[in-house]
Structures are given as C-alpha cells and as structure tokens.
Amino acid sequence: MSQNRHEISLERNLLRIRLINRQCEIEYSGKVFSGQIRNETKNTWEVMTTTGLKRIPKDQSKLRITINNQSYEINGNQMKGRHEDRIKRMRKRKW
C-alpha cells in the first residue's frame, strides 16, 4: 500500500526532480540519445553520450528516465525552464 502512494506522489512530483547526473534516453528528431544529463539550462539538456557531449533542445524532445525501477516518459515542453523555476511554478499558494 505504501509503495502505491509513493508511486503516485512520484508521478505527481516528477517535474520537481533534479535530473543532473541521472541516466536517461532523449528522443529528438527521430534519434535516441542515451547517456547522463550533465547540465540543464532553460531550453536545453546537455547529455554525455558515448560519442561526446550533446546539447538537445527541450521543446522538441521526449525524455525517458527510470527511477526506482519505474520508467517514465516526459514531454520536453513540460520540462521547459530551469529546475528552480519549475519548482516555483508548481508551488501552490495557501492564501
């Protein structure tokens, strides 16, 4: 029962997770880039692949990431903005 709650909260808060140094696959323009996210800017991801560092735009890509043996696919448009800005955007006001 507690695992189900954890999975639901993870899906809900997936946009808040810091992605730097996580293994992922990014699909962009019909190609799949697999590697570790090294940096994240407002509009791009920098991914270290076996062939070198690649800079991939967020708005035209899909991110696949595995967390706790659960695979997730996120549209790049949802991830637009810096990590800090996404958290601020999602914060609910109590007043």
PDB file of N, CA and C in Angstrom:
ATOM      1  N   MET A   1       0.819  -1.192   0.000  1.00  0.00           N
ATOM      2  CA  MET A   1       0.000   0.000   0.000  1.00  0.00           C
ATOM      3  C   MET A   1       0.859   1.251   0.000  1.00  0.00           C
ATOM      4  N   SER A   2       1.921   1.278   0.814  1.00  0.00           N
ATOM      5  CA  SER A   2       2.760   2.472   0.877  1.00  0.00           C
ATOM      6  C   SER A   2       3.537   2.663  -0.429  1.00  0.00           C
ATOM      7  N   GLN A   3       3.873   1.576  -1.149  1.00  0.00           N
ATOM      8  CA  GLN A   3       4.554   1.721  -2.419  1.00  0.00           C
ATOM      9  C   GLN A   3       3.649   2.396  -3.439  1.00  0.00           C
ATOM     10  N   ASN A   4       2.371   2.084  -3.428  1.00  0.00           N
ATOM     11  CA  ASN A   4       1.454   2.716  -4.358  1.00  0.00           C
ATOM     12  C   ASN A   4       1.364   4.211  -4.111  1.00  0.00           C
ATOM     13  N   ARG A   5       1.294   4.609  -2.850  1.00  0.00           N
ATOM     14  CA  ARG A   5       1.264   6.043  -2.538  1.00  0.00           C
ATOM     15  C   ARG A   5       2.546   6.717  -3.005  1.00  0.00           C
ATOM     16  N   HIS A   6       3.680   6.020  -2.813  1.00  0.00           N
ATOM     17  CA  HIS A   6       4.955   6.580  -3.228  1.00  0.00           C
ATOM     18  C   HIS A   6       5.002   6.757  -4.742  1.00  0.00           C
ATOM     19  N   GLU A   7       4.503   5.766  -5.496  1.00  0.00           N
ATOM     20  CA  GLU A   7       4.493   5.855  -6.948  1.00  0.00           C
ATOM     21  C   GLU A   7       3.597   6.984  -7.423  1.00  0.00           C
ATOM     22  N   ILE A   8       2.445   7.154  -6.797  1.00  0.00           N
ATOM     23  CA  ILE A   8       1.535   8.232  -7.184  1.00  0.00           C
ATOM     24  C   ILE A   8       2.167   9.582  -6.911  1.00  0.00           C
ATOM     25  N   SER A   9       2.785   9.740  -5.747  1.00  0.00           N
ATOM     26  CA  SER A   9       3.398  11.021  -5.432  1.00  0.00           C
ATOM     27  C   SER A   9       4.599  11.284  -6.338  1.00  0.00           C
ATOM     28  N   LEU A  10       5.323  10.230  -6.742  1.00  0.00           N
ATOM     29  CA  LEU A  10       6.451  10.410  -7.634  1.00  0.00           C
ATOM     30  C   LEU A  10       5.985  10.886  -9.003  1.00  0.00           C
ATOM     31  N   GLU A  11       4.913  10.304  -9.521  1.00  0.00           N
ATOM     32  CA  GLU A  11       4.383  10.751 -10.807  1.00  0.00           C
ATOM     33  C   GLU A  11       3.927  12.201 -10.735  1.00  0.00           C
ATOM     34  N   ARG A  12       3.303  12.576  -9.652  1.00  0.00           N
ATOM     35  CA  ARG A  12       2.809  13.928  -9.482  1.00  0.00           C
ATOM     36  C   ARG A  12       3.954  14.933  -9.365  1.00  0.00           C
ATOM     37  N   ASN A  13       5.045  14.518  -8.719  1.00  0.00           N
ATOM     38  CA  ASN A  13       6.166  15.413  -8.463  1.00  0.00           C
ATOM     39  C   ASN A  13       7.346  15.163  -9.394  1.00  0.00           C
ATOM     40  N   LEU A  14       7.143  14.475 -10.487  1.00  0.00           N
ATOM     41  CA  LEU A  14       8.230  14.132 -11.381  1.00  0.00           C
ATOM     42  C   LEU A  14       8.914  15.366 -11.959  1.00  0.00           C
ATOM     43  N   LEU A  15       8.172  16.422 -12.175  1.00  0.00           N
ATOM     44  CA  LEU A  15       8.755  17.640 -12.734  1.00  0.00           C
ATOM     45  C   LEU A  15       9.645  18.362 -11.735  1.00  0.00           C
ATOM     46  N   ARG A  16       9.543  18.029 -10.464  1.00  0.00           N
ATOM     47  CA  ARG A  16      10.366  18.667  -9.435  1.00  0.00           C
ATOM     48  C   ARG A  16      11.714  17.984  -9.233  1.00  0.00           C
ATOM     49  N   ILE A  17      11.867  16.784  -9.751  1.00  0.00           N
ATOM     50  CA  ILE A  17      13.077  16.011  -9.518  1.00  0.00           C
ATOM     51  C   ILE A  17      14.254  16.628 -10.272  1.00  0.00           C
ATOM     52  N   ARG A  18      15.385  16.728  -9.611  1.00  0.00           N
ATOM     53  CA  ARG A  18      16.602  17.238 -10.239  1.00  0.00           C
ATOM     54  C   ARG A  18      17.172  16.137 -11.135  1.00  0.00           C
ATOM     55  N   LEU A  19      17.414  16.456 -12.398  1.00  0.00           N
ATOM     56  CA  LEU A  19      17.794  15.456 -13.384  1.00  0.00           C
ATOM     57  C   LEU A  19      19.290  15.368 -13.636  1.00  0.00           C
ATOM     58  N   ILE A  20      20.067  16.310 -13.143  1.00  0.00           N
ATOM     59  CA  ILE A  20      21.503  16.313 -13.397  1.00  0.00           C
ATOM     60  C   ILE A  20      22.130  15.060 -12.782  1.00  0.00           C
ATOM     61  N   ASN A  21      23.014  14.426 -13.544  1.00  0.00           N
ATOM     62  CA  ASN A  21      23.732  13.192 -13.202  1.00  0.00           C
ATOM     63  C   ASN A  21      22.842  11.950 -13.193  1.00  0.00           C
ATOM     64  N   ARG A  22      21.700  11.990 -13.835  1.00  0.00           N
ATOM     65  CA  ARG A  22      20.840  10.812 -13.964  1.00  0.00           C
ATOM     66  C   ARG A  22      20.958  10.245 -15.370  1.00  0.00           C
ATOM     67  N   GLN A  23      20.880   8.921 -15.465  1.00  0.00           N
ATOM     68  CA  GLN A  23      20.895   8.245 -16.755  1.00  0.00           C
ATOM     69  C   GLN A  23      19.523   8.408 -17.409  1.00  0.00           C
ATOM     70  N   CYS A  24      19.526   8.646 -18.726  1.00  0.00           N
ATOM     71  CA  CYS A  24      18.261   8.846 -19.425  1.00  0.00           C
ATOM     72  C   CYS A  24      18.418   8.525 -20.902  1.00  0.00           C
ATOM     73  N   GLU A  25      17.307   8.547 -21.586  1.00  0.00           N
ATOM     74  CA  GLU A  25      17.261   8.491 -23.039  1.00  0.00           C
ATOM     75  C   GLU A  25      16.428   9.679 -23.486  1.00  0.00           C
ATOM     76  N   ILE A  26      16.914  10.392 -24.491  1.00  0.00           N
ATOM     77  CA  ILE A  26      16.184  11.536 -25.021  1.00  0.00           C
ATOM     78  C   ILE A  26      15.952  11.291 -26.501  1.00  0.00           C
ATOM     79  N   GLU A  27      14.689  11.329 -26.887  1.00  0.00           N
ATOM     80  CA  GLU A  27      14.332  11.164 -28.291  1.00  0.00           C
ATOM     81  C   GLU A  27      14.168  12.544 -28.903  1.00  0.00           C
ATOM     82  N   TYR A  28      14.930  12.787 -29.956  1.00  0.00           N
ATOM     83  CA  TYR A  28      14.896  14.097 -30.608  1.00  0.00           C
ATOM     84  C   TYR A  28      15.088  13.908 -32.107  1.00  0.00           C
ATOM     85  N   SER A  29      14.155  14.398 -32.872  1.00  0.00           N
ATOM     86  CA  SER A  29      14.263  14.394 -34.326  1.00  0.00           C
ATOM     87  C   SER A  29      14.494  12.985 -34.888  1.00  0.00           C
ATOM     88  N   GLY A  30      13.794  12.006 -34.332  1.00  0.00           N
ATOM     89  CA  GLY A  30      13.892  10.635 -34.810  1.00  0.00           C
ATOM     90  C   GLY A  30      15.107   9.870 -34.319  1.00  0.00           C
ATOM     91  N   LYS A  31      15.968  10.516 -33.544  1.00  0.00           N
ATOM     92  CA  LYS A  31      17.157   9.858 -32.997  1.00  0.00           C
ATOM     93  C   LYS A  31      17.005   9.713 -31.494  1.00  0.00           C
ATOM     94  N   VAL A  32      17.637   8.706 -30.933  1.00  0.00           N
ATOM     95  CA  VAL A  32      17.607   8.487 -29.491  1.00  0.00           C
ATOM     96  C   VAL A  32      19.022   8.652 -28.951  1.00  0.00           C
ATOM     97  N   PHE A  33      19.174   9.572 -28.008  1.00  0.00           N
ATOM     98  CA  PHE A  33      20.451   9.823 -27.357  1.00  0.00           C
ATOM     99  C   PHE A  33      20.375   9.246 -25.952  1.00  0.00           C
ATOM    100  N   SER A  34      21.302   8.368 -25.631  1.00  0.00           N
ATOM    101  CA  SER A  34      21.314   7.725 -24.333  1.00  0.00           C
ATOM    102  C   SER A  34      22.577   8.140 -23.595  1.00  0.00           C
ATOM    103  N   GLY A  35      22.410   8.523 -22.341  1.00  0.00           N
ATOM    104  CA  GLY A  35      23.571   8.927 -21.563  1.00  0.00           C
ATOM    105  C   GLY A  35      23.174   9.582 -20.260  1.00  0.00           C
ATOM    106  N   GLN A  36      24.108  10.355 -19.716  1.00  0.00           N
ATOM    107  CA  GLN A  36      23.921  11.008 -18.424  1.00  0.00           C
ATOM    108  C   GLN A  36      23.718  12.500 -18.650  1.00  0.00           C
ATOM    109  N   ILE A  37      22.702  13.067 -17.995  1.00  0.00           N
ATOM    110  CA  ILE A  37      22.455  14.503 -18.104  1.00  0.00           C
ATOM    111  C   ILE A  37      23.532  15.229 -17.309  1.00  0.00           C
ATOM    112  N   ARG A  38      24.286  16.087 -17.964  1.00  0.00           N
ATOM    113  CA  ARG A  38      25.368  16.815 -17.313  1.00  0.00           C
ATOM    114  C   ARG A  38      24.949  18.209 -16.866  1.00  0.00           C
ATOM    115  N   ASN A  39      24.075  18.843 -17.641  1.00  0.00           N
ATOM    116  CA  ASN A  39      23.640  20.199 -17.309  1.00  0.00           C
ATOM    117  C   ASN A  39      22.263  20.420 -17.889  1.00  0.00           C
ATOM    118  N   GLU A  40      21.545  21.333 -17.278  1.00  0.00           N
ATOM    119  CA  GLU A  40      20.195  21.660 -17.731  1.00  0.00           C
ATOM    120  C   GLU A  40      20.066  23.177 -17.732  1.00  0.00           C
ATOM    121  N   THR A  41      19.755  23.738 -18.892  1.00  0.00           N
ATOM    122  CA  THR A  41      19.514  25.167 -18.984  1.00  0.00           C
ATOM    123  C   THR A  41      18.027  25.386 -19.194  1.00  0.00           C
ATOM    124  N   LYS A  42      17.649  26.621 -19.435  1.00  0.00           N
ATOM    125  CA  LYS A  42      16.242  26.948 -19.616  1.00  0.00           C
ATOM    126  C   LYS A  42      15.623  26.187 -20.794  1.00  0.00           C
ATOM    127  N   ASN A  43      16.363  26.076 -21.884  1.00  0.00           N
ATOM    128  CA  ASN A  43      15.804  25.489 -23.098  1.00  0.00           C
ATOM    129  C   ASN A  43      16.503  24.230 -23.591  1.00  0.00           C
ATOM    130  N   THR A  44      17.583  23.796 -22.937  1.00  0.00           N
ATOM    131  CA  THR A  44      18.328  22.641 -23.441  1.00  0.00           C
ATOM    132  C   THR A  44      18.769  21.707 -22.322  1.00  0.00           C
ATOM    133  N   TRP A  45      19.077  20.468 -22.744  1.00  0.00           N
ATOM    134  CA  TRP A  45      19.756  19.498 -21.897  1.00  0.00           C
ATOM    135  C   TRP A  45      21.116  19.260 -22.504  1.00  0.00           C
ATOM    136  N   GLU A  46      22.122  19.067 -21.670  1.00  0.00           N
ATOM    137  CA  GLU A  46      23.426  18.627 -22.134  1.00  0.00           C
ATOM    138  C   GLU A  46      23.602  17.194 -21.656  1.00  0.00           C
ATOM    139  N   VAL A  47      23.750  16.270 -22.617  1.00  0.00           N
ATOM    140  CA  VAL A  47      23.816  14.847 -22.308  1.00  0.00           C
ATOM    141  C   VAL A  47      25.175  14.308 -22.737  1.00  0.00           C
ATOM    142  N   MET A  48      25.858  13.623 -21.822  1.00  0.00           N
ATOM    143  CA  MET A  48      27.127  12.980 -22.142  1.00  0.00           C
ATOM    144  C   MET A  48      26.822  11.589 -22.677  1.00  0.00           C
ATOM    145  N   THR A  49      27.035  11.405 -23.974  1.00  0.00           N
ATOM    146  CA  THR A  49      26.813  10.116 -24.616  1.00  0.00           C
ATOM    147  C   THR A  49      28.163   9.449 -24.847  1.00  0.00           C
ATOM    148  N   THR A  50      28.153   8.275 -25.447  1.00  0.00           N
ATOM    149  CA  THR A  50      29.402   7.578 -25.735  1.00  0.00           C
ATOM    150  C   THR A  50      30.219   8.304 -26.795  1.00  0.00           C
ATOM    151  N   THR A  51      29.558   9.120 -27.619  1.00  0.00           N
ATOM    152  CA  THR A  51      30.262   9.858 -28.674  1.00  0.00           C
ATOM    153  C   THR A  51      30.623  11.274 -28.259  1.00  0.00           C
ATOM    154  N   GLY A  52      30.244  11.687 -27.065  1.00  0.00           N
ATOM    155  CA  GLY A  52      30.598  13.029 -26.598  1.00  0.00           C
ATOM    156  C   GLY A  52      29.394  13.774 -26.039  1.00  0.00           C
ATOM    157  N   LEU A  53      29.598  15.047 -25.750  1.00  0.00           N
ATOM    158  CA  LEU A  53      28.566  15.883 -25.150  1.00  0.00           C
ATOM    159  C   LEU A  53      27.621  16.389 -26.231  1.00  0.00           C
ATOM    160  N   LYS A  54      26.328  16.193 -26.031  1.00  0.00           N
ATOM    161  CA  LYS A  54      25.307  16.633 -26.981  1.00  0.00           C
ATOM    162  C   LYS A  54      24.404  17.643 -26.301  1.00  0.00           C
ATOM    163  N   ARG A  55      24.055  18.703 -26.996  1.00  0.00           N
ATOM    164  CA  ARG A  55      23.108  19.700 -26.493  1.00  0.00           C
ATOM    165  C   ARG A  55      21.799  19.510 -27.260  1.00  0.00           C
ATOM    166  N   ILE A  56      20.728  19.219 -26.531  1.00  0.00           N
ATOM    167  CA  ILE A  56      19.448  18.865 -27.139  1.00  0.00           C
ATOM    168  C   ILE A  56      18.384  19.835 -26.654  1.00  0.00           C
ATOM    169  N   PRO A  57      17.604  20.444 -27.569  1.00  0.00           N
ATOM    170  CA  PRO A  57      16.535  21.351 -27.152  1.00  0.00           C
ATOM    171  C   PRO A  57      15.406  20.608 -26.444  1.00  0.00           C
ATOM    172  N   LYS A  58      14.850  21.234 -25.420  1.00  0.00           N
ATOM    173  CA  LYS A  58      13.788  20.599 -24.638  1.00  0.00           C
ATOM    174  C   LYS A  58      12.462  20.581 -25.384  1.00  0.00           C
ATOM    175  N   ASP A  59      12.135  21.657 -26.076  1.00  0.00           N
ATOM    176  CA  ASP A  59      10.788  21.794 -26.627  1.00  0.00           C
ATOM    177  C   ASP A  59      10.482  20.822 -27.762  1.00  0.00           C
ATOM    178  N   GLN A  60      11.476  20.173 -28.331  1.00  0.00           N
ATOM    179  CA  GLN A  60      11.238  19.263 -29.441  1.00  0.00           C
ATOM    180  C   GLN A  60      11.626  17.830 -29.102  1.00  0.00           C
ATOM    181  N   SER A  61      11.686  17.485 -27.834  1.00  0.00           N
ATOM    182  CA  SER A  61      12.190  16.166 -27.451  1.00  0.00           C
ATOM    183  C   SER A  61      11.305  15.504 -26.406  1.00  0.00           C
ATOM    184  N   LYS A  62      11.566  14.212 -26.199  1.00  0.00           N
ATOM    185  CA  LYS A  62      10.905  13.436 -25.149  1.00  0.00           C
ATOM    186  C   LYS A  62      11.988  12.796 -24.289  1.00  0.00           C
ATOM    187  N   LEU A  63      11.804  12.857 -23.003  1.00  0.00           N
ATOM    188  CA  LEU A  63      12.769  12.328 -22.045  1.00  0.00           C
ATOM    189  C   LEU A  63      12.235  11.039 -21.456  1.00  0.00           C
ATOM    190  N   ARG A  64      13.053   9.995 -21.460  1.00  0.00           N
ATOM    191  CA  ARG A  64      12.714   8.735 -20.803  1.00  0.00           C
ATOM    192  C   ARG A  64      13.710   8.524 -19.679  1.00  0.00           C
ATOM    193  N   ILE A  65      13.180   8.330 -18.482  1.00  0.00           N
ATOM    194  CA  ILE A  65      14.036   8.179 -17.310  1.00  0.00           C
ATOM    195  C   ILE A  65      13.479   7.065 -16.441  1.00  0.00           C
ATOM    196  N   THR A  66      14.356   6.333 -15.775  1.00  0.00           N
ATOM    197  CA  THR A  66      13.949   5.256 -14.881  1.00  0.00           C
ATOM    198  C   THR A  66      14.323   5.632 -13.458  1.00  0.00           C
ATOM    199  N   ILE A  67      13.330   5.618 -12.583  1.00  0.00           N
ATOM    200  CA  ILE A  67      13.524   5.929 -11.167  1.00  0.00           C
ATOM    201  C   ILE A  67      12.869   4.818 -10.365  1.00  0.00           C
ATOM    202  N   ASN A  68      13.625   4.209  -9.473  1.00  0.00           N
ATOM    203  CA  ASN A  68      13.125   3.106  -8.630  1.00  0.00           C
ATOM    204  C   ASN A  68      12.492   1.993  -9.470  1.00  0.00           C
ATOM    205  N   ASN A  69      13.181   1.583 -10.536  1.00  0.00           N
ATOM    206  CA  ASN A  69      12.737   0.521 -11.438  1.00  0.00           C
ATOM    207  C   ASN A  69      11.413   0.822 -12.122  1.00  0.00           C
ATOM    208  N   GLN A  70      11.021   2.075 -12.165  1.00  0.00           N
ATOM    209  CA  GLN A  70       9.800   2.513 -12.844  1.00  0.00           C
ATOM    210  C   GLN A  70      10.211   3.468 -13.963  1.00  0.00           C
ATOM    211  N   SER A  71       9.760   3.205 -15.175  1.00  0.00           N
ATOM    212  CA  SER A  71      10.143   4.022 -16.319  1.00  0.00           C
ATOM    213  C   SER A  71       9.084   5.098 -16.581  1.00  0.00           C
ATOM    214  N   TYR A  72       9.548   6.305 -16.868  1.00  0.00           N
ATOM    215  CA  TYR A  72       8.653   7.436 -17.128  1.00  0.00           C
ATOM    216  C   TYR A  72       9.052   8.108 -18.424  1.00  0.00           C
ATOM    217  N   GLU A  73       8.066   8.646 -19.140  1.00  0.00           N
ATOM    218  CA  GLU A  73       8.328   9.416 -20.346  1.00  0.00           C
ATOM    219  C   GLU A  73       7.715  10.800 -20.159  1.00  0.00           C
ATOM    220  N   ILE A  74       8.521  11.817 -20.372  1.00  0.00           N
ATOM    221  CA  ILE A  74       8.107  13.190 -20.135  1.00  0.00           C
ATOM    222  C   ILE A  74       8.301  13.984 -21.413  1.00  0.00           C
ATOM    223  N   ASN A  75       7.305  14.763 -21.784  1.00  0.00           N
ATOM    224  CA  ASN A  75       7.414  15.651 -22.925  1.00  0.00           C
ATOM    225  C   ASN A  75       8.331  16.818 -22.548  1.00  0.00           C
ATOM    226  N   GLY A  76       9.217  17.198 -23.436  1.00  0.00           N
ATOM    227  CA  GLY A  76      10.177  18.257 -23.162  1.00  0.00           C
ATOM    228  C   GLY A  76       9.538  19.604 -22.887  1.00  0.00           C
ATOM    229  N   ASN A  77       8.352  19.856 -23.459  1.00  0.00           N
ATOM    230  CA  ASN A  77       7.669  21.135 -23.206  1.00  0.00           C
ATOM    231  C   ASN A  77       7.312  21.291 -21.734  1.00  0.00           C
ATOM    232  N   GLN A  78       7.014  20.201 -21.055  1.00  0.00           N
ATOM    233  CA  GLN A  78       6.692  20.265 -19.628  1.00  0.00           C
ATOM    234  C   GLN A  78       7.915  20.587 -18.797  1.00  0.00           C
ATOM    235  N   MET A  79       9.094  20.276 -19.299  1.00  0.00           N
ATOM    236  CA  MET A  79      10.335  20.476 -18.558  1.00  0.00           C
ATOM    237  C   MET A  79      10.995  21.812 -18.878  1.00  0.00           C
ATOM    238  N   LYS A  80      10.333  22.643 -19.662  1.00  0.00           N
ATOM    239  CA  LYS A  80      10.928  23.918 -20.056  1.00  0.00           C
ATOM    240  C   LYS A  80      11.177  24.788 -18.836  1.00  0.00           C
ATOM    241  N   GLY A  81      12.287  25.456 -18.821  1.00  0.00           N
ATOM    242  CA  GLY A  81      12.676  26.297 -17.694  1.00  0.00           C
ATOM    243  C   GLY A  81      13.715  25.598 -16.842  1.00  0.00           C
ATOM    244  N   ARG A  82      14.362  26.369 -16.012  1.00  0.00           N
ATOM    245  CA  ARG A  82      15.356  25.794 -15.114  1.00  0.00           C
ATOM    246  C   ARG A  82      14.655  25.014 -14.012  1.00  0.00           C
ATOM    247  N   HIS A  83      15.404  24.125 -13.376  1.00  0.00           N
ATOM    248  CA  HIS A  83      14.862  23.297 -12.303  1.00  0.00           C
ATOM    249  C   HIS A  83      14.242  24.161 -11.209  1.00  0.00           C
ATOM    250  N   GLU A  84      14.917  25.219 -10.811  1.00  0.00           N
ATOM    251  CA  GLU A  84      14.434  26.099  -9.748  1.00  0.00           C
ATOM    252  C   GLU A  84      13.138  26.792 -10.147  1.00  0.00           C
ATOM    253  N   ASP A  85      13.043  27.192 -11.413  1.00  0.00           N
ATOM    254  CA  ASP A  85      11.834  27.872 -11.889  1.00  0.00           C
ATOM    255  C   ASP A  85      10.643  26.927 -11.964  1.00  0.00           C
ATOM    256  N   ARG A  86      10.881  25.662 -12.318  1.00  0.00           N
ATOM    257  CA  ARG A  86       9.773  24.695 -12.362  1.00  0.00           C
ATOM    258  C   ARG A  86       9.196  24.477 -10.978  1.00  0.00           C
ATOM    259  N   ILE A  87      10.041  24.432  -9.963  1.00  0.00           N
ATOM    260  CA  ILE A  87       9.554  24.249  -8.594  1.00  0.00           C
ATOM    261  C   ILE A  87       8.716  25.442  -8.171  1.00  0.00           C
ATOM    262  N   LYS A  88       9.180  26.643  -8.477  1.00  0.00           N
ATOM    263  CA  LYS A  88       8.424  27.853  -8.128  1.00  0.00           C
ATOM    264  C   LYS A  88       7.076  27.884  -8.830  1.00  0.00           C
ATOM    265  N   ARG A  89       7.059  27.456 -10.101  1.00  0.00           N
ATOM    266  CA  ARG A  89       5.828  27.460 -10.885  1.00  0.00           C
ATOM    267  C   ARG A  89       4.800  26.499 -10.325  1.00  0.00           C
ATOM    268  N   MET A  90       5.249  25.385  -9.739  1.00  0.00           N
ATOM    269  CA  MET A  90       4.352  24.345  -9.247  1.00  0.00           C
ATOM    270  C   MET A  90       3.877  24.590  -7.824  1.00  0.00           C
ATOM    271  N   ARG A  91       4.533  25.479  -7.118  1.00  0.00           N
ATOM    272  CA  ARG A  91       4.186  25.708  -5.712  1.00  0.00           C
ATOM    273  C   ARG A  91       2.763  26.266  -5.607  1.00  0.00           C
ATOM    274  N   LYS A  92       1.977  25.682  -4.722  1.00  0.00           N
ATOM    275  CA  LYS A  92       0.616  26.150  -4.520  1.00  0.00           C
ATOM    276  C   LYS A  92       0.598  27.211  -3.441  1.00  0.00           C
ATOM    277  N   ARG A  93      -0.151  28.235  -3.673  1.00  0.00           N
ATOM    278  CA  ARG A  93      -0.279  29.313  -2.690  1.00  0.00           C
ATOM    279  C   ARG A  93      -1.387  28.935  -1.698  1.00  0.00           C
ATOM    280  N   LYS A  94      -1.164  29.204  -0.437  1.00  0.00           N
ATOM    281  CA  LYS A  94      -2.125  28.837   0.607  1.00  0.00           C
ATOM    282  C   LYS A  94      -3.112  29.966   0.914  1.00  0.00           C
ATOM    283  N   TRP A  95      -2.841  31.148   0.379  1.00  0.00           N
ATOM    284  CA  TRP A  95      -3.746  32.249   0.720  1.00  0.00           C
ATOM    285  C   TRP A  95      -4.672  32.583  -0.390  1.00  0.00           C
TER     286      TRP A  95
END
